[in-house]
PDB file of N, CA and C in Angstrom:
ATOM      1  N   UNK A   1      -3.422   8.231 -16.101  1.00  0.00           N
ATOM      2  CA  UNK A   1      -2.651   6.762 -15.829  1.00  0.00           C
ATOM      3  C   UNK A   1      -2.749   5.408 -16.322  1.00  0.00           C
ATOM      4  N   UNK A   2      -2.185   4.771 -17.123  1.00  0.00           N
ATOM      5  CA  UNK A   2      -2.478   3.669 -17.834  1.00  0.00           C
ATOM      6  C   UNK A   2      -2.783   2.222 -16.120  1.00  0.00           C
ATOM      7  N   UNK A   3      -3.708   1.754 -16.775  1.00  0.00           N
ATOM      8  CA  UNK A   3      -4.173   0.642 -15.246  1.00  0.00           C
ATOM      9  C   UNK A   3      -4.234  -0.927 -15.784  1.00  0.00           C
ATOM     10  N   UNK A   4      -3.203  -1.835 -15.568  1.00  0.00           N
ATOM     11  CA  UNK A   4      -3.350  -3.061 -15.685  1.00  0.00           C
ATOM     12  C   UNK A   4      -4.363  -3.728 -14.966  1.00  0.00           C
ATOM     13  N   UNK A   5      -4.402  -3.200 -13.805  1.00  0.00           N
ATOM     14  CA  UNK A   5      -5.104  -4.280 -12.965  1.00  0.00           C
ATOM     15  C   UNK A   5      -5.431  -3.200 -11.985  1.00  0.00           C
ATOM     16  N   UNK A   6      -6.864  -2.903 -11.273  1.00  0.00           N
ATOM     17  CA  UNK A   6      -7.442  -2.413 -10.153  1.00  0.00           C
ATOM     18  C   UNK A   6      -7.956  -2.918  -9.685  1.00  0.00           C
ATOM     19  N   UNK A   7      -8.001  -2.103  -7.912  1.00  0.00           N
ATOM     20  CA  UNK A   7      -9.013  -2.955  -7.029  1.00  0.00           C
ATOM     21  C   UNK A   7      -9.362  -2.130  -5.734  1.00  0.00           C
ATOM     22  N   UNK A   8      -9.844  -1.769  -6.018  1.00  0.00           N
ATOM     23  CA  UNK A   8     -10.937  -1.194  -4.937  1.00  0.00           C
ATOM     24  C   UNK A   8     -11.468  -1.883  -3.381  1.00  0.00           C
ATOM     25  N   UNK A   9     -11.144  -1.178  -1.734  1.00  0.00           N
ATOM     26  CA  UNK A   9     -11.141  -1.819  -1.126  1.00  0.00           C
ATOM     27  C   UNK A   9     -12.539  -0.856  -0.280  1.00  0.00           C
ATOM     28  N   UNK A  10     -13.748  -1.020   0.382  1.00  0.00           N
ATOM     29  CA  UNK A  10     -14.280   0.554   0.964  1.00  0.00           C
ATOM     30  C   UNK A  10     -15.189  -0.731   2.156  1.00  0.00           C
ATOM     31  N   UNK A  11     -14.410  -0.445   3.216  1.00  0.00           N
ATOM     32  CA  UNK A  11     -15.273  -1.108   4.668  1.00  0.00           C
ATOM     33  C   UNK A  11     -16.542  -0.302   5.109  1.00  0.00           C
ATOM     34  N   UNK A  12     -17.087  -0.118   5.525  1.00  0.00           N
ATOM     35  CA  UNK A  12     -18.001   0.603   6.133  1.00  0.00           C
ATOM     36  C   UNK A  12     -17.333   1.229   7.608  1.00  0.00           C
ATOM     37  N   UNK A  13     -16.870   2.244   7.361  1.00  0.00           N
ATOM     38  CA  UNK A  13     -16.488   2.701   9.142  1.00  0.00           C
ATOM     39  C   UNK A  13     -15.069   2.238   8.986  1.00  0.00           C
ATOM     40  N   UNK A  14     -14.407   1.880   7.578  1.00  0.00           N
ATOM     41  CA  UNK A  14     -13.072   1.966   7.844  1.00  0.00           C
ATOM     42  C   UNK A  14     -12.599   2.205   6.549  1.00  0.00           C
ATOM     43  N   UNK A  15     -10.773   2.682   6.441  1.00  0.00           N
ATOM     44  CA  UNK A  15     -10.359   3.296   5.510  1.00  0.00           C
ATOM     45  C   UNK A  15      -9.904   2.560   4.544  1.00  0.00           C
ATOM     46  N   UNK A  16     -10.650   3.304   3.100  1.00  0.00           N
ATOM     47  CA  UNK A  16     -10.350   2.114   2.051  1.00  0.00           C
ATOM     48  C   UNK A  16      -9.310   2.228   1.183  1.00  0.00           C
ATOM     49  N   UNK A  17      -8.770   1.500   0.515  1.00  0.00           N
ATOM     50  CA  UNK A  17      -7.565   1.857  -0.232  1.00  0.00           C
ATOM     51  C   UNK A  17      -8.066   1.406  -2.267  1.00  0.00           C
ATOM     52  N   UNK A  18      -7.350   2.039  -2.849  1.00  0.00           N
ATOM     53  CA  UNK A  18      -6.949   1.357  -3.966  1.00  0.00           C
ATOM     54  C   UNK A  18      -6.060   0.690  -4.370  1.00  0.00           C
ATOM     55  N   UNK A  19      -5.711  -0.093  -5.367  1.00  0.00           N
ATOM     56  CA  UNK A  19      -4.175  -1.015  -5.576  1.00  0.00           C
ATOM     57  C   UNK A  19      -3.992  -0.619  -7.176  1.00  0.00           C
ATOM     58  N   UNK A  20      -3.395  -0.296  -8.007  1.00  0.00           N
ATOM     59  CA  UNK A  20      -3.990  -0.481  -9.273  1.00  0.00           C
ATOM     60  C   UNK A  20      -1.740  -0.513  -9.807  1.00  0.00           C
ATOM     61  N   UNK A  21      -1.776  -0.754 -11.079  1.00  0.00           N
ATOM     62  CA  UNK A  21      -0.428  -1.203 -11.651  1.00  0.00           C
ATOM     63  C   UNK A  21      -0.014   0.543 -12.685  1.00  0.00           C
ATOM     64  N   UNK A  22       0.870   0.815 -12.845  1.00  0.00           N
ATOM     65  CA  UNK A  22       1.420   1.984 -13.528  1.00  0.00           C
ATOM     66  C   UNK A  22       2.740   1.295 -13.874  1.00  0.00           C
ATOM     67  N   UNK A  23       2.559   0.402 -15.085  1.00  0.00           N
ATOM     68  CA  UNK A  23       3.636   0.362 -15.383  1.00  0.00           C
ATOM     69  C   UNK A  23       4.285  -1.257 -14.696  1.00  0.00           C
ATOM     70  N   UNK A  24       5.245  -1.185 -14.194  1.00  0.00           N
ATOM     71  CA  UNK A  24       5.731  -2.219 -13.200  1.00  0.00           C
ATOM     72  C   UNK A  24       5.671  -1.637 -11.463  1.00  0.00           C
ATOM     73  N   UNK A  25       4.975  -0.531 -11.416  1.00  0.00           N
ATOM     74  CA  UNK A  25       4.595  -0.024  -9.842  1.00  0.00           C
ATOM     75  C   UNK A  25       3.454  -0.588  -9.357  1.00  0.00           C
ATOM     76  N   UNK A  26       3.311  -1.122  -8.211  1.00  0.00           N
ATOM     77  CA  UNK A  26       2.293  -1.032  -7.925  1.00  0.00           C
ATOM     78  C   UNK A  26       1.488  -0.068  -6.661  1.00  0.00           C
ATOM     79  N   UNK A  27       0.669   1.154  -7.266  1.00  0.00           N
ATOM     80  CA  UNK A  27       0.501   2.158  -6.333  1.00  0.00           C
ATOM     81  C   UNK A  27      -0.896   1.881  -5.802  1.00  0.00           C
ATOM     82  N   UNK A  28      -0.519   2.072  -4.269  1.00  0.00           N
ATOM     83  CA  UNK A  28      -1.772   2.350  -3.279  1.00  0.00           C
ATOM     84  C   UNK A  28      -2.118   3.720  -2.608  1.00  0.00           C
ATOM     85  N   UNK A  29      -3.549   3.771  -3.423  1.00  0.00           N
ATOM     86  CA  UNK A  29      -4.092   5.085  -2.811  1.00  0.00           C
ATOM     87  C   UNK A  29      -5.140   5.084  -2.027  1.00  0.00           C
ATOM     88  N   UNK A  30      -5.637   6.060  -1.738  1.00  0.00           N
ATOM     89  CA  UNK A  30      -6.953   6.204  -1.022  1.00  0.00           C
ATOM     90  C   UNK A  30      -6.835   6.535   0.818  1.00  0.00           C
ATOM     91  N   UNK A  31      -8.384   6.823   1.382  1.00  0.00           N
ATOM     92  CA  UNK A  31      -8.218   7.172   2.512  1.00  0.00           C
ATOM     93  C   UNK A  31      -6.948   6.340   3.756  1.00  0.00           C
ATOM     94  N   UNK A  32      -6.707   5.086   3.607  1.00  0.00           N
ATOM     95  CA  UNK A  32      -6.056   4.729   4.389  1.00  0.00           C
ATOM     96  C   UNK A  32      -4.609   5.068   4.218  1.00  0.00           C
ATOM     97  N   UNK A  33      -3.985   5.357   2.794  1.00  0.00           N
ATOM     98  CA  UNK A  33      -2.725   6.626   2.516  1.00  0.00           C
ATOM     99  C   UNK A  33      -2.369   7.265   2.994  1.00  0.00           C
ATOM    100  N   UNK A  34      -4.041   8.098   3.098  1.00  0.00           N
ATOM    101  CA  UNK A  34      -3.919   9.543   3.246  1.00  0.00           C
ATOM    102  C   UNK A  34      -3.594   9.067   4.843  1.00  0.00           C
ATOM    103  N   UNK A  35      -4.124   8.756   6.347  1.00  0.00           N
ATOM    104  CA  UNK A  35      -3.952   8.574   6.689  1.00  0.00           C
ATOM    105  C   UNK A  35      -2.468   7.788   7.632  1.00  0.00           C
ATOM    106  N   UNK A  36      -1.626   7.010   6.745  1.00  0.00           N
ATOM    107  CA  UNK A  36      -0.497   6.729   7.162  1.00  0.00           C
ATOM    108  C   UNK A  36       0.316   7.486   7.019  1.00  0.00           C
ATOM    109  N   UNK A  37       0.118   8.520   5.719  1.00  0.00           N
ATOM    110  CA  UNK A  37       0.793   9.594   5.244  1.00  0.00           C
ATOM    111  C   UNK A  37       1.728  10.732   6.293  1.00  0.00           C
ATOM    112  N   UNK A  38      -0.293  11.088   7.232  1.00  0.00           N
ATOM    113  CA  UNK A  38      -0.347  12.227   8.460  1.00  0.00           C
ATOM    114  C   UNK A  38       0.446  11.196   9.512  1.00  0.00           C
ATOM    115  N   UNK A  39       0.510  10.077   9.381  1.00  0.00           N
ATOM    116  CA  UNK A  39       0.818   9.569  10.758  1.00  0.00           C
ATOM    117  C   UNK A  39       2.164   9.294  10.992  1.00  0.00           C
ATOM    118  N   UNK A  40       2.645   8.786   9.969  1.00  0.00           N
ATOM    119  CA  UNK A  40       3.981   7.817  10.082  1.00  0.00           C
ATOM    120  C   UNK A  40       5.174   8.230   9.707  1.00  0.00           C
ATOM    121  N   UNK A  41       6.090   8.243  10.518  1.00  0.00           N
ATOM    122  CA  UNK A  41       7.602   9.513  10.941  1.00  0.00           C
ATOM    123  C   UNK A  41       8.695   7.925   9.540  1.00  0.00           C
ATOM    124  N   UNK A  42       9.010   8.114   8.299  1.00  0.00           N
ATOM    125  CA  UNK A  42       9.958   7.010   7.895  1.00  0.00           C
ATOM    126  C   UNK A  42      11.280   7.168   8.567  1.00  0.00           C
ATOM    127  N   UNK A  43      11.567   7.493   9.266  1.00  0.00           N
ATOM    128  CA  UNK A  43      12.921   7.719  10.383  1.00  0.00           C
ATOM    129  C   UNK A  43      13.162   7.495  11.493  1.00  0.00           C
ATOM    130  N   UNK A  44      11.970   6.847  11.795  1.00  0.00           N
ATOM    131  CA  UNK A  44      11.583   6.193  13.163  1.00  0.00           C
ATOM    132  C   UNK A  44      11.491   4.607  12.699  1.00  0.00           C
ATOM    133  N   UNK A  45      11.569   4.218  13.434  1.00  0.00           N
ATOM    134  CA  UNK A  45      11.521   2.662  13.396  1.00  0.00           C
ATOM    135  C   UNK A  45      10.471   1.979  13.957  1.00  0.00           C
ATOM    136  N   UNK A  46       9.926   2.550  15.382  1.00  0.00           N
ATOM    137  CA  UNK A  46       8.704   1.824  15.828  1.00  0.00           C
ATOM    138  C   UNK A  46       7.258   2.567  14.820  1.00  0.00           C
ATOM    139  N   UNK A  47       7.713   4.157  14.396  1.00  0.00           N
ATOM    140  CA  UNK A  47       6.561   3.899  13.498  1.00  0.00           C
ATOM    141  C   UNK A  47       6.285   3.375  12.010  1.00  0.00           C
ATOM    142  N   UNK A  48       7.827   3.202  11.405  1.00  0.00           N
ATOM    143  CA  UNK A  48       8.072   2.359  10.050  1.00  0.00           C
ATOM    144  C   UNK A  48       6.781   0.920  10.895  1.00  0.00           C
ATOM    145  N   UNK A  49       7.552   0.182  11.844  1.00  0.00           N
ATOM    146  CA  UNK A  49       6.786  -1.001  12.520  1.00  0.00           C
ATOM    147  C   UNK A  49       4.985  -0.645  12.677  1.00  0.00           C
ATOM    148  N   UNK A  50       4.501   0.315  12.721  1.00  0.00           N
ATOM    149  CA  UNK A  50       3.328   0.661  12.714  1.00  0.00           C
ATOM    150  C   UNK A  50       2.727   0.725  11.145  1.00  0.00           C
ATOM    151  N   UNK A  51       3.749   0.996  10.088  1.00  0.00           N
ATOM    152  CA  UNK A  51       3.072   1.146   9.007  1.00  0.00           C
ATOM    153  C   UNK A  51       2.969  -0.286   8.676  1.00  0.00           C
ATOM    154  N   UNK A  52       3.891  -1.111   8.612  1.00  0.00           N
ATOM    155  CA  UNK A  52       3.898  -2.129   7.951  1.00  0.00           C
ATOM    156  C   UNK A  52       2.893  -3.137   8.817  1.00  0.00           C
ATOM    157  N   UNK A  53       2.186  -2.703  10.279  1.00  0.00           N
ATOM    158  CA  UNK A  53       1.290  -3.278  10.690  1.00  0.00           C
ATOM    159  C   UNK A  53      -0.004  -3.151  10.265  1.00  0.00           C
ATOM    160  N   UNK A  54      -0.402  -1.910   9.896  1.00  0.00           N
ATOM    161  CA  UNK A  54      -1.758  -1.775   9.340  1.00  0.00           C
ATOM    162  C   UNK A  54      -1.632  -2.003   8.357  1.00  0.00           C
ATOM    163  N   UNK A  55      -0.476  -2.075   7.492  1.00  0.00           N
ATOM    164  CA  UNK A  55      -0.590  -2.417   6.079  1.00  0.00           C
ATOM    165  C   UNK A  55      -1.235  -4.157   5.801  1.00  0.00           C
ATOM    166  N   UNK A  56      -0.301  -5.020   6.918  1.00  0.00           N
ATOM    167  CA  UNK A  56      -0.936  -6.245   6.785  1.00  0.00           C
ATOM    168  C   UNK A  56      -2.549  -6.264   7.515  1.00  0.00           C
ATOM    169  N   UNK A  57      -2.467  -5.650   8.081  1.00  0.00           N
ATOM    170  CA  UNK A  57      -4.009  -5.629   8.855  1.00  0.00           C
ATOM    171  C   UNK A  57      -5.291  -5.035   8.372  1.00  0.00           C
ATOM    172  N   UNK A  58      -5.085  -4.156   7.364  1.00  0.00           N
ATOM    173  CA  UNK A  58      -6.237  -3.718   6.179  1.00  0.00           C
ATOM    174  C   UNK A  58      -6.434  -4.380   4.933  1.00  0.00           C
ATOM    175  N   UNK A  59      -5.480  -5.379   5.148  1.00  0.00           N
ATOM    176  CA  UNK A  59      -5.297  -6.348   3.811  1.00  0.00           C
ATOM    177  C   UNK A  59      -4.644  -5.534   2.642  1.00  0.00           C
ATOM    178  N   UNK A  60      -3.579  -5.008   2.528  1.00  0.00           N
ATOM    179  CA  UNK A  60      -2.988  -4.145   1.449  1.00  0.00           C
ATOM    180  C   UNK A  60      -2.320  -5.460   0.919  1.00  0.00           C
ATOM    181  N   UNK A  61      -1.430  -6.024   2.150  1.00  0.00           N
ATOM    182  CA  UNK A  61      -0.170  -6.999   1.403  1.00  0.00           C
ATOM    183  C   UNK A  61      -0.697  -8.183   1.153  1.00  0.00           C
ATOM    184  N   UNK A  62      -2.207  -8.724   1.521  1.00  0.00           N
ATOM    185  CA  UNK A  62      -2.360 -10.046   1.029  1.00  0.00           C
ATOM    186  C   UNK A  62      -2.911  -9.358  -0.442  1.00  0.00           C
ATOM    187  N   UNK A  63      -3.683  -7.928  -0.246  1.00  0.00           N
ATOM    188  CA  UNK A  63      -4.321  -7.950  -2.048  1.00  0.00           C
ATOM    189  C   UNK A  63      -3.109  -7.717  -3.145  1.00  0.00           C
ATOM    190  N   UNK A  64      -1.868  -7.304  -2.193  1.00  0.00           N
ATOM    191  CA  UNK A  64      -0.649  -7.220  -3.439  1.00  0.00           C
ATOM    192  C   UNK A  64      -0.355  -8.600  -4.045  1.00  0.00           C
ATOM    193  N   UNK A  65      -0.455  -9.729  -3.302  1.00  0.00           N
ATOM    194  CA  UNK A  65      -0.024 -11.162  -3.717  1.00  0.00           C
ATOM    195  C   UNK A  65      -1.130 -11.224  -4.104  1.00  0.00           C
ATOM    196  N   UNK A  66      -2.526 -11.362  -3.826  1.00  0.00           N
ATOM    197  CA  UNK A  66      -3.313 -11.708  -5.293  1.00  0.00           C
ATOM    198  C   UNK A  66      -3.256 -11.282  -6.278  1.00  0.00           C
ATOM    199  N   UNK A  67      -3.093  -9.916  -6.464  1.00  0.00           N
ATOM    200  CA  UNK A  67      -2.516  -9.699  -7.664  1.00  0.00           C
ATOM    201  C   UNK A  67      -1.132  -9.592  -8.538  1.00  0.00           C
ATOM    202  N   UNK A  68      -0.402 -10.208  -7.630  1.00  0.00           N
ATOM    203  CA  UNK A  68       0.730 -11.138  -8.373  1.00  0.00           C
ATOM    204  C   UNK A  68       2.084 -10.841  -7.844  1.00  0.00           C
ATOM    205  N   UNK A  69       2.091  -9.835  -6.451  1.00  0.00           N
ATOM    206  CA  UNK A  69       3.593  -9.066  -6.776  1.00  0.00           C
ATOM    207  C   UNK A  69       4.942 -10.225  -6.126  1.00  0.00           C
ATOM    208  N   UNK A  70       5.710  -9.880  -6.761  1.00  0.00           N
ATOM    209  CA  UNK A  70       7.300 -10.474  -6.613  1.00  0.00           C
ATOM    210  C   UNK A  70       8.200  -9.451  -5.753  1.00  0.00           C
ATOM    211  N   UNK A  71       8.359 -10.767  -4.566  1.00  0.00           N
ATOM    212  CA  UNK A  71       9.966 -10.043  -3.735  1.00  0.00           C
ATOM    213  C   UNK A  71      10.490  -9.147  -4.905  1.00  0.00           C
ATOM    214  N   UNK A  72      10.717  -7.877  -4.479  1.00  0.00           N
ATOM    215  CA  UNK A  72      11.352  -6.753  -5.059  1.00  0.00           C
ATOM    216  C   UNK A  72      10.858  -6.139  -6.064  1.00  0.00           C
ATOM    217  N   UNK A  73       9.568  -6.295  -6.032  1.00  0.00           N
ATOM    218  CA  UNK A  73       8.605  -5.522  -7.231  1.00  0.00           C
ATOM    219  C   UNK A  73       8.605  -3.944  -6.361  1.00  0.00           C
ATOM    220  N   UNK A  74       8.371  -2.860  -7.135  1.00  0.00           N
ATOM    221  CA  UNK A  74       8.331  -1.995  -6.682  1.00  0.00           C
ATOM    222  C   UNK A  74       6.886  -1.378  -6.295  1.00  0.00           C
ATOM    223  N   UNK A  75       6.696  -0.598  -4.690  1.00  0.00           N
ATOM    224  CA  UNK A  75       5.141  -0.564  -4.172  1.00  0.00           C
ATOM    225  C   UNK A  75       5.585   0.977  -4.147  1.00  0.00           C
ATOM    226  N   UNK A  76       4.318   2.154  -4.646  1.00  0.00           N
ATOM    227  CA  UNK A  76       4.673   3.345  -4.281  1.00  0.00           C
ATOM    228  C   UNK A  76       3.294   3.583  -2.854  1.00  0.00           C
ATOM    229  N   UNK A  77       2.906   4.222  -2.145  1.00  0.00           N
ATOM    230  CA  UNK A  77       2.306   4.364  -0.977  1.00  0.00           C
ATOM    231  C   UNK A  77       2.374   6.064  -0.468  1.00  0.00           C
ATOM    232  N   UNK A  78       1.763   6.534  -0.992  1.00  0.00           N
ATOM    233  CA  UNK A  78       2.154   8.452  -0.979  1.00  0.00           C
ATOM    234  C   UNK A  78       3.580   8.938  -1.724  1.00  0.00           C
ATOM    235  N   UNK A  79       3.534   9.445  -0.717  1.00  0.00           N
ATOM    236  CA  UNK A  79       5.389   9.842  -1.300  1.00  0.00           C
ATOM    237  C   UNK A  79       6.561   8.687  -0.862  1.00  0.00           C
ATOM    238  N   UNK A  80       6.396   7.558  -0.360  1.00  0.00           N
ATOM    239  CA  UNK A  80       7.456   6.690  -0.667  1.00  0.00           C
ATOM    240  C   UNK A  80       7.245   5.528  -1.521  1.00  0.00           C
ATOM    241  N   UNK A  81       8.524   5.181  -1.725  1.00  0.00           N
ATOM    242  CA  UNK A  81       8.523   3.487  -2.803  1.00  0.00           C
ATOM    243  C   UNK A  81       9.294   3.036  -2.240  1.00  0.00           C
ATOM    244  N   UNK A  82       8.809   1.861  -2.069  1.00  0.00           N
ATOM    245  CA  UNK A  82       9.843   0.665  -1.635  1.00  0.00           C
ATOM    246  C   UNK A  82       9.418  -0.474  -2.184  1.00  0.00           C
ATOM    247  N   UNK A  83      10.857  -1.735  -2.376  1.00  0.00           N
ATOM    248  CA  UNK A  83      10.795  -2.568  -3.197  1.00  0.00           C
ATOM    249  C   UNK A  83       9.940  -3.361  -1.713  1.00  0.00           C
ATOM    250  N   UNK A  84       8.859  -4.167  -2.614  1.00  0.00           N
ATOM    251  CA  UNK A  84       8.326  -5.322  -1.601  1.00  0.00           C
ATOM    252  C   UNK A  84       9.232  -6.475  -1.265  1.00  0.00           C
ATOM    253  N   UNK A  85       8.890  -6.589   0.618  1.00  0.00           N
ATOM    254  CA  UNK A  85       9.637  -7.830   1.027  1.00  0.00           C
ATOM    255  C   UNK A  85       8.869  -8.505   1.564  1.00  0.00           C
ATOM    256  N   UNK A  86       8.620  -9.899   1.259  1.00  0.00           N
ATOM    257  CA  UNK A  86       7.730 -10.531   1.710  1.00  0.00           C
ATOM    258  C   UNK A  86       8.108 -11.029   2.908  1.00  0.00           C
TER     259      UNK A  86
END
């Protein structure tokens, strides 16, 4: 996989994540993503709210913004791809 830019976050006792670009797609991988994929039901609104809350709390959203993500850019987290909405 070619990567234009990447960022890795790991905090002692916390779930780490890495973000890299694969073409025009922002890809988020790591222990945080693994945990979310195990615990989030995509068809459940409460579960999706939890998913979004964790992405904000763990700094994924702010890091995507720092990397230059724009409205409607594609984000891939686990098996899920979605358009970024600020």
